[in-house]
Structures are given as C-alpha cells and as structure tokens.
Amino acid sequence: MQQDETIDAHHHIWRMTDLPWLHGPMAPRIFGPYEPLRRDYPIEAFRADLAGHGVVASVYVQVNWAPARALDEVAWVQSVADATGWPQAIVGYADLASPDVAALLDAQARHSRLRGIRQQLHWHENPQYRFAARPDVCAEPAWRRGFAELAPRGLLFELQLFAPQMEHGADLARAFPDTTIVLEHAGMLEDTSPQGWDTWRAGMRKLADCPNVHVKLSGLGTFVHRATLADIAPIVRETVDLFGPQRCMWGSNFPIESLWTDYATVIGNIHQALAGFAPSDRRKILAETAARLYRLG
C-alpha cells in the first residue's frame, strides 16, 4: 500500500426495496431519525462519495435484509462486485444459532468475495439502542456451535456490542482463539460520562487481551449525531493504544454517517486524528490491517 492509500473497511450499499426497516412508519433506531436514508444507495453513489479521497478498496457489511434472504444479500452484492469491481469484500449475515447455519455458510461462501459474517449482538437497557434479544447471546451453546463453523471456512466474525457486554465478547474470543473477530465501531461508546468511559475502557482492555480480536474505527458519530475531531480523537487514541495499529482499521459507516456529515469530513477527521502517529502506523490503520484481514489484493 502507498502512504496515501486508504481502505474503507465498513460501508453499506442498498436497494430500498430489500430493506424491511426502510418501509412503513419510521421506527426509532440507534442513529436517530433516518428519513434521508429512505432511498437507494447503490455502489455508484458510494464511489461518488469517496472520489478523490484516496480510497482504493472497500468492505461491504450486511444491512439487515430479511433474515430469510441472507443468501440473496450476499449474491446481490457479489453481482455488483462482478459488474463494477466494488466492493472488494463482503460481510454477510447468518443466524449462528440456526440448525441450518452450516448449509447457509457454504452457500454464501460460493460467492468469492465473502470474507465474514455479522450477527448484531448489541443489547442495551435503552430499547432504541437494543438489537439482540438478550445481552449474552454469544454465550449460548447453540449459538457457539454455529460460531464454530466460521473458522474452518476462513470466515471472520464482526462483533457488535456495548461496553457492559464486552466480558461476554472476551470470553467468546478466548473460547475460539482460531477465529478472527473484528469489534465494530470501536466498542460503541454511547455513555461519555466519566463512569461510561471507565466501563468502556475496562471492557476494551479485556478484548485487547485476546490476540484474535481486532477493532474497527467506524461509526464514531452514531450516538452524538455529528462528526467532529474532538469527539473521535480520544476514542481513536485510546483504542489504538490498547490494540496497537496492527489490529486497528478504519471504516466510514456510509451512508449512515451521511445523516449528519459528508464523506470528506469523516475521512478528514480520521486523518487528523492519526496525524501524530508514525507513518507506518497510519498505513496499518488506514489500509494494511483491513487488507490483511479481508484478504484484499
């Protein structure tokens, strides 16, 4: 990778007709009102957003199609990649507790750009922030049987949870040391009180102690609904201090972040937040870690 090249390790494209959560009344979601997202966001729109910013590759992460269409989602994104060359990697969805998960993973893996699976496990006392049914889904034996199917297929797992759940995440990582885990959105720091920072920091330290856990510096405007350097720089600094640059990567979380900012601001902020790091460390965070984990190039 050249010094100025960047990989966007977390973005979405979609057709509105495929997304149940974009139809009907606008239900509260973690990122607030989302009327501007009720539109198609095809790969052409994404590439227009990133044009001129040195982004050389990207990783698509699932957008919650109806669960029964998990294979259709991967197949559609693969068709986009076949036609345009973008995205270079795909993270699909699977319910790992399903007794049929192995067959689904095999079918998804027939699409050459599949690299991993995300099943969102975040649970919160605030219903608007809640996705999983329980805070400890990843501790259930049936779910772990499905999780055990990932590593033999060369698939990583994208772990999305809140700070109070991080002990569960660390236990999962210790139980499956051969499975690569990518922590979403730098651990989703939603409580920025001193106590909230302490809880997040303690949980992140437990995850960082697991060498198979990596972390994505993405979605950093989700809870403040803005994109400012002052908001993200402390999270970036502490996360990199804990995990090291070789286990960190950047992602735009577009188009979600477009609810409050533009792509130029998001990528500009991460470059400014990393300005004090050595050039070799910046290259790891902006490109090399993602290229290695998602087998790009």
Protein backbone atom coordinates (compact mmCIF):
# COMPACT_ATOMS: atom_id res chain seq x y z
CA MET A 1 0.00 0.00 0.00
CA GLN A 2 1.18 3.52 -0.78
CA GLN A 3 1.26 6.04 2.05
CA ASP A 4 -1.83 7.92 0.83
CA GLU A 5 -4.00 4.86 0.07
CA THR A 6 -6.97 4.06 2.29
CA ILE A 7 -9.33 1.12 2.61
CA ASP A 8 -12.88 1.75 3.78
CA ALA A 9 -13.42 -1.32 5.93
CA HIS A 10 -17.08 -0.67 6.73
CA HIS A 11 -19.71 0.66 4.36
CA HIS A 12 -23.15 -0.24 3.04
CA ILE A 13 -24.92 -0.17 -0.30
CA TRP A 14 -28.58 -0.98 -0.69
CA ARG A 15 -31.77 -1.04 -2.64
CA MET A 16 -34.54 0.36 -0.54
CA THR A 17 -36.93 -2.39 -1.69
CA ASP A 18 -34.76 -5.04 0.03
CA LEU A 19 -34.68 -3.43 3.47
CA PRO A 20 -37.67 -4.03 5.76
CA TRP A 21 -36.56 -1.30 8.17
CA LEU A 22 -36.88 1.36 5.46
CA HIS A 23 -40.57 0.66 4.87
CA GLY A 24 -43.65 1.66 6.82
CA PRO A 25 -43.60 4.05 9.80
CA MET A 26 -40.12 5.28 10.74
CA ALA A 27 -39.33 3.31 13.90
CA PRO A 28 -36.71 4.71 16.33
CA ARG A 29 -33.21 3.49 15.53
CA ILE A 30 -29.81 3.80 17.12
CA PHE A 31 -28.76 6.60 14.76
CA GLY A 32 -31.93 8.68 15.19
CA PRO A 33 -34.39 9.83 12.50
CA TYR A 34 -33.35 8.46 9.13
CA GLU A 35 -35.73 9.83 6.52
CA PRO A 36 -32.83 10.88 4.24
CA LEU A 37 -31.74 7.22 4.07
CA ARG A 38 -35.05 6.10 2.59
CA ARG A 39 -33.61 5.90 -0.89
CA ASP A 40 -31.43 3.62 -2.97
CA TYR A 41 -27.72 3.90 -2.19
CA PRO A 42 -26.03 1.94 -4.99
CA ILE A 43 -22.33 1.39 -5.50
CA GLU A 44 -22.22 4.32 -7.93
CA ALA A 45 -23.39 6.69 -5.18
CA PHE A 46 -20.86 5.28 -2.73
CA ARG A 47 -18.00 5.64 -5.21
CA ALA A 48 -19.06 9.21 -5.94
CA ASP A 49 -18.87 9.95 -2.21
CA LEU A 50 -15.35 8.56 -1.86
CA ALA A 51 -13.98 10.00 -5.12
CA GLY A 52 -10.80 11.99 -4.65
CA HIS A 53 -10.06 10.70 -1.15
CA GLY A 54 -7.51 8.00 -1.97
CA VAL A 55 -9.77 5.05 -1.16
CA VAL A 56 -8.57 2.02 -3.12
CA ALA A 57 -10.83 -0.74 -1.74
CA SER A 58 -13.86 -1.27 0.46
CA VAL A 59 -15.65 -3.86 2.59
CA TYR A 60 -19.43 -4.16 2.44
CA VAL A 61 -21.12 -5.07 5.73
CA GLN A 62 -24.63 -6.51 5.81
CA VAL A 63 -27.59 -4.16 6.16
CA ASN A 64 -30.29 -6.36 7.69
CA TRP A 65 -32.20 -7.73 4.76
CA ALA A 66 -34.95 -10.06 5.95
CA PRO A 67 -33.13 -12.98 7.65
CA ALA A 68 -34.61 -15.49 5.21
CA ARG A 69 -32.83 -13.61 2.40
CA ALA A 70 -29.33 -13.76 3.88
CA LEU A 71 -28.05 -15.66 0.87
CA ASP A 72 -29.79 -13.28 -1.55
CA GLU A 73 -27.99 -10.33 0.02
CA VAL A 74 -24.54 -11.84 -0.49
CA ALA A 75 -25.46 -12.91 -4.04
CA TRP A 76 -26.65 -9.42 -4.93
CA VAL A 77 -23.52 -7.70 -3.57
CA GLN A 78 -21.35 -10.25 -5.38
CA SER A 79 -23.19 -9.39 -8.61
CA VAL A 80 -22.43 -5.72 -8.04
CA ALA A 81 -18.76 -6.56 -7.44
CA ASP A 82 -18.65 -8.70 -10.57
CA ALA A 83 -20.07 -5.86 -12.63
CA THR A 84 -18.09 -2.95 -11.16
CA GLY A 85 -15.12 -4.33 -9.22
CA TRP A 86 -16.51 -2.85 -5.96
CA PRO A 87 -16.78 -3.78 -3.14
CA GLN A 88 -13.68 -5.93 -2.79
CA ALA A 89 -15.00 -7.91 0.20
CA ILE A 90 -18.39 -8.85 1.64
CA VAL A 91 -19.55 -9.48 5.20
CA GLY A 92 -22.89 -11.26 5.16
CA TYR A 93 -25.47 -12.19 7.78
CA ALA A 94 -26.23 -15.53 9.38
CA ASP A 95 -28.13 -16.53 12.50
CA LEU A 96 -25.45 -18.64 14.11
CA ALA A 97 -27.99 -20.31 16.39
CA SER A 98 -29.85 -21.77 13.42
CA PRO A 99 -29.50 -25.56 12.99
CA ASP A 100 -29.10 -24.92 9.25
CA VAL A 101 -26.30 -22.37 9.57
CA ALA A 102 -23.58 -24.63 8.11
CA ALA A 103 -25.54 -25.05 4.87
CA LEU A 104 -26.14 -21.30 4.65
CA LEU A 105 -22.45 -20.51 5.18
CA ASP A 106 -21.48 -23.00 2.49
CA ALA A 107 -23.92 -21.41 0.06
CA GLN A 108 -22.73 -17.89 0.87
CA ALA A 109 -19.09 -18.92 0.57
CA ARG A 110 -19.65 -19.92 -3.05
CA HIS A 111 -19.58 -16.18 -3.70
CA SER A 112 -15.89 -15.37 -3.98
CA ARG A 113 -15.85 -12.07 -2.10
CA LEU A 114 -17.41 -13.33 1.12
CA ARG A 115 -14.98 -12.80 3.99
CA GLY A 116 -17.06 -12.84 7.14
CA ILE A 117 -20.37 -12.76 9.00
CA ARG A 118 -22.03 -10.17 11.16
CA GLN A 119 -24.86 -11.00 13.52
CA GLN A 120 -25.53 -7.95 15.65
CA LEU A 121 -25.41 -8.84 19.35
CA HIS A 122 -25.67 -5.42 20.95
CA TRP A 123 -28.16 -5.15 23.79
CA HIS A 124 -28.90 -2.07 25.86
CA GLU A 125 -31.29 -1.02 28.59
CA ASN A 126 -32.49 1.70 26.21
CA PRO A 127 -34.83 -0.08 23.75
CA GLN A 128 -33.83 2.33 20.97
CA TYR A 129 -30.25 1.02 21.21
CA ARG A 130 -31.24 -2.63 21.58
CA PHE A 131 -30.88 -5.18 18.80
CA ALA A 132 -30.29 -8.62 20.33
CA ALA A 133 -32.91 -10.35 22.45
CA ARG A 134 -30.51 -10.78 25.39
CA PRO A 135 -27.13 -9.38 26.38
CA ASP A 136 -25.42 -12.79 26.42
CA VAL A 137 -26.48 -14.40 23.13
CA CYS A 138 -22.86 -15.32 22.35
CA ALA A 139 -22.69 -17.48 25.48
CA GLU A 140 -25.48 -19.82 24.38
CA PRO A 141 -24.31 -23.35 23.39
CA ALA A 142 -26.41 -23.48 20.21
CA TRP A 143 -25.07 -20.12 19.06
CA ARG A 144 -21.50 -21.16 19.76
CA ARG A 145 -21.97 -24.32 17.72
CA GLY A 146 -22.75 -22.09 14.79
CA PHE A 147 -19.83 -19.80 15.60
CA ALA A 148 -17.52 -22.82 15.44
CA GLU A 149 -18.43 -23.17 11.75
CA LEU A 150 -16.71 -19.90 10.81
CA ALA A 151 -13.01 -20.60 11.21
CA PRO A 152 -12.96 -23.83 9.15
CA ARG A 153 -14.41 -21.80 6.26
CA GLY A 154 -11.90 -18.98 6.64
CA LEU A 155 -14.60 -16.54 7.77
CA LEU A 156 -14.13 -13.83 10.37
CA PHE A 157 -16.85 -12.55 12.70
CA GLU A 158 -17.84 -8.92 13.15
CA LEU A 159 -18.72 -8.41 16.81
CA GLN A 160 -21.09 -5.57 17.67
CA LEU A 161 -21.84 -4.99 21.34
CA PHE A 162 -21.83 -2.38 24.09
CA ALA A 163 -19.27 -1.94 26.85
CA PRO A 164 -21.22 -3.87 29.55
CA GLN A 165 -21.27 -6.88 27.17
CA MET A 166 -17.54 -6.88 26.49
CA GLU A 167 -16.81 -9.55 29.09
CA HIS A 168 -19.05 -11.88 27.06
CA GLY A 169 -17.13 -10.91 23.94
CA ALA A 170 -13.77 -11.58 25.57
CA ASP A 171 -14.98 -14.96 26.81
CA LEU A 172 -16.05 -15.83 23.26
CA ALA A 173 -12.67 -14.80 21.87
CA ARG A 174 -10.82 -16.89 24.45
CA ALA A 175 -13.00 -19.91 23.70
CA PHE A 176 -12.31 -19.65 19.93
CA PRO A 177 -8.72 -18.42 19.60
CA ASP A 178 -8.51 -19.51 15.96
CA THR A 179 -11.46 -17.35 14.87
CA THR A 180 -10.69 -13.79 13.80
CA ILE A 181 -13.03 -11.30 15.47
CA VAL A 182 -13.48 -7.68 14.41
CA LEU A 183 -15.03 -5.40 17.01
CA GLU A 184 -17.44 -2.98 15.38
CA HIS A 185 -17.43 0.78 15.86
CA ALA A 186 -14.62 0.88 18.45
CA GLY A 187 -16.89 -0.73 21.02
CA MET A 188 -19.83 1.67 20.62
CA LEU A 189 -19.07 4.21 23.33
CA GLU A 190 -22.55 5.60 23.97
CA ASP A 191 -22.06 6.81 27.57
CA THR A 192 -19.41 9.53 27.64
CA SER A 193 -19.75 10.27 31.35
CA PRO A 194 -16.61 9.52 33.41
CA GLN A 195 -18.21 6.25 34.55
CA GLY A 196 -19.16 5.37 30.97
CA TRP A 197 -15.61 5.94 29.77
CA ASP A 198 -14.30 3.77 32.61
CA THR A 199 -16.68 0.93 31.73
CA TRP A 200 -15.79 1.15 28.04
CA ARG A 201 -12.06 1.31 28.78
CA ALA A 202 -12.17 -1.72 31.09
CA GLY A 203 -14.12 -3.76 28.55
CA MET A 204 -11.86 -2.76 25.68
CA ARG A 205 -8.83 -3.82 27.72
CA LYS A 206 -10.35 -7.28 28.20
CA LEU A 207 -10.95 -7.59 24.46
CA ALA A 208 -7.48 -6.28 23.63
CA ASP A 209 -6.00 -9.02 25.80
CA CYS A 210 -7.36 -11.51 23.22
CA PRO A 211 -4.94 -11.56 20.27
CA ASN A 212 -7.64 -12.72 17.83
CA VAL A 213 -9.72 -9.56 18.42
CA HIS A 214 -9.24 -6.59 16.09
CA VAL A 215 -11.16 -3.33 16.10
CA LYS A 216 -12.80 -1.08 13.54
CA LEU A 217 -12.65 2.69 13.97
CA SER A 218 -16.07 3.31 12.45
CA GLY A 219 -19.48 4.66 13.36
CA LEU A 220 -17.96 7.19 15.76
CA GLY A 221 -20.75 9.70 15.21
CA THR A 222 -23.58 7.27 15.89
CA PHE A 223 -24.54 8.48 19.36
CA VAL A 224 -23.65 12.17 19.13
CA HIS A 225 -25.12 12.60 15.63
CA ARG A 226 -22.24 14.76 14.44
CA ALA A 227 -18.74 14.35 13.06
CA THR A 228 -16.13 16.40 14.90
CA LEU A 229 -12.48 15.70 15.56
CA ALA A 230 -12.98 16.45 19.25
CA ASP A 231 -15.50 13.61 19.52
CA ILE A 232 -13.49 10.95 17.74
CA ALA A 233 -9.84 11.70 18.56
CA PRO A 234 -9.92 10.43 22.18
CA ILE A 235 -11.66 7.19 21.11
CA VAL A 236 -9.16 6.66 18.30
CA ARG A 237 -6.16 7.36 20.52
CA GLU A 238 -7.23 5.07 23.36
CA THR A 239 -8.33 2.28 21.04
CA VAL A 240 -5.03 2.27 19.16
CA ASP A 241 -3.11 2.43 22.44
CA LEU A 242 -4.95 -0.69 23.64
CA PHE A 243 -4.95 -2.79 20.47
CA GLY A 244 -1.96 -1.47 18.58
CA PRO A 245 -2.14 -0.19 14.99
CA GLN A 246 -1.69 -3.70 13.55
CA ARG A 247 -5.10 -4.64 14.98
CA CYS A 248 -6.98 -1.44 14.09
CA MET A 249 -8.63 -0.33 10.86
CA TRP A 250 -10.86 2.49 9.66
CA GLY A 251 -14.34 2.39 8.14
CA SER A 252 -16.70 5.17 7.05
CA ASN A 253 -20.03 3.60 8.04
CA PHE A 254 -21.51 5.30 4.97
CA PRO A 255 -24.21 6.18 4.19
CA ILE A 256 -25.36 6.11 7.84
CA GLU A 257 -22.93 8.90 8.73
CA SER A 258 -24.39 10.99 5.90
CA LEU A 259 -27.29 11.74 8.22
CA TRP A 260 -25.07 14.36 9.88
CA THR A 261 -21.98 14.84 7.72
CA ASP A 262 -20.26 14.08 4.41
CA TYR A 263 -17.61 11.58 3.40
CA ALA A 264 -14.90 14.24 3.13
CA THR A 265 -15.39 15.19 6.78
CA VAL A 266 -15.37 11.58 8.02
CA ILE A 267 -12.16 10.69 6.21
CA GLY A 268 -10.61 14.06 7.02
CA ASN A 269 -11.28 13.53 10.71
CA ILE A 270 -9.57 10.14 10.81
CA HIS A 271 -6.53 11.53 9.02
CA GLN A 272 -6.33 14.37 11.56
CA ALA A 273 -6.85 12.01 14.49
CA LEU A 274 -3.92 9.91 13.24
CA ALA A 275 -1.66 12.86 12.40
CA GLY A 276 0.58 12.29 15.42
CA PHE A 277 1.18 8.61 14.64
CA ALA A 278 4.19 7.27 12.77
CA PRO A 279 3.64 6.89 9.00
CA SER A 280 3.96 3.10 9.28
CA ASP A 281 1.25 3.03 11.95
CA ARG A 282 -1.06 5.22 9.89
CA ARG A 283 -0.65 2.86 6.94
CA LYS A 284 -1.65 -0.09 9.12
CA ILE A 285 -4.79 1.64 10.39
CA LEU A 286 -5.84 3.16 7.08
CA ALA A 287 -5.09 0.21 4.80
CA GLU A 288 -2.81 -2.67 5.80
CA THR A 289 -4.83 -4.19 8.65
CA ALA A 290 -8.01 -4.31 6.56
CA ALA A 291 -6.13 -5.64 3.53
CA ARG A 292 -4.75 -8.50 5.62
CA LEU A 293 -7.93 -9.45 7.46
CA TYR A 294 -10.25 -9.25 4.46
CA ARG A 295 -7.68 -10.72 2.06
CA LEU A 296 -7.70 -7.82 -0.36
CA GLY A 297 -5.38 -7.59 -3.30
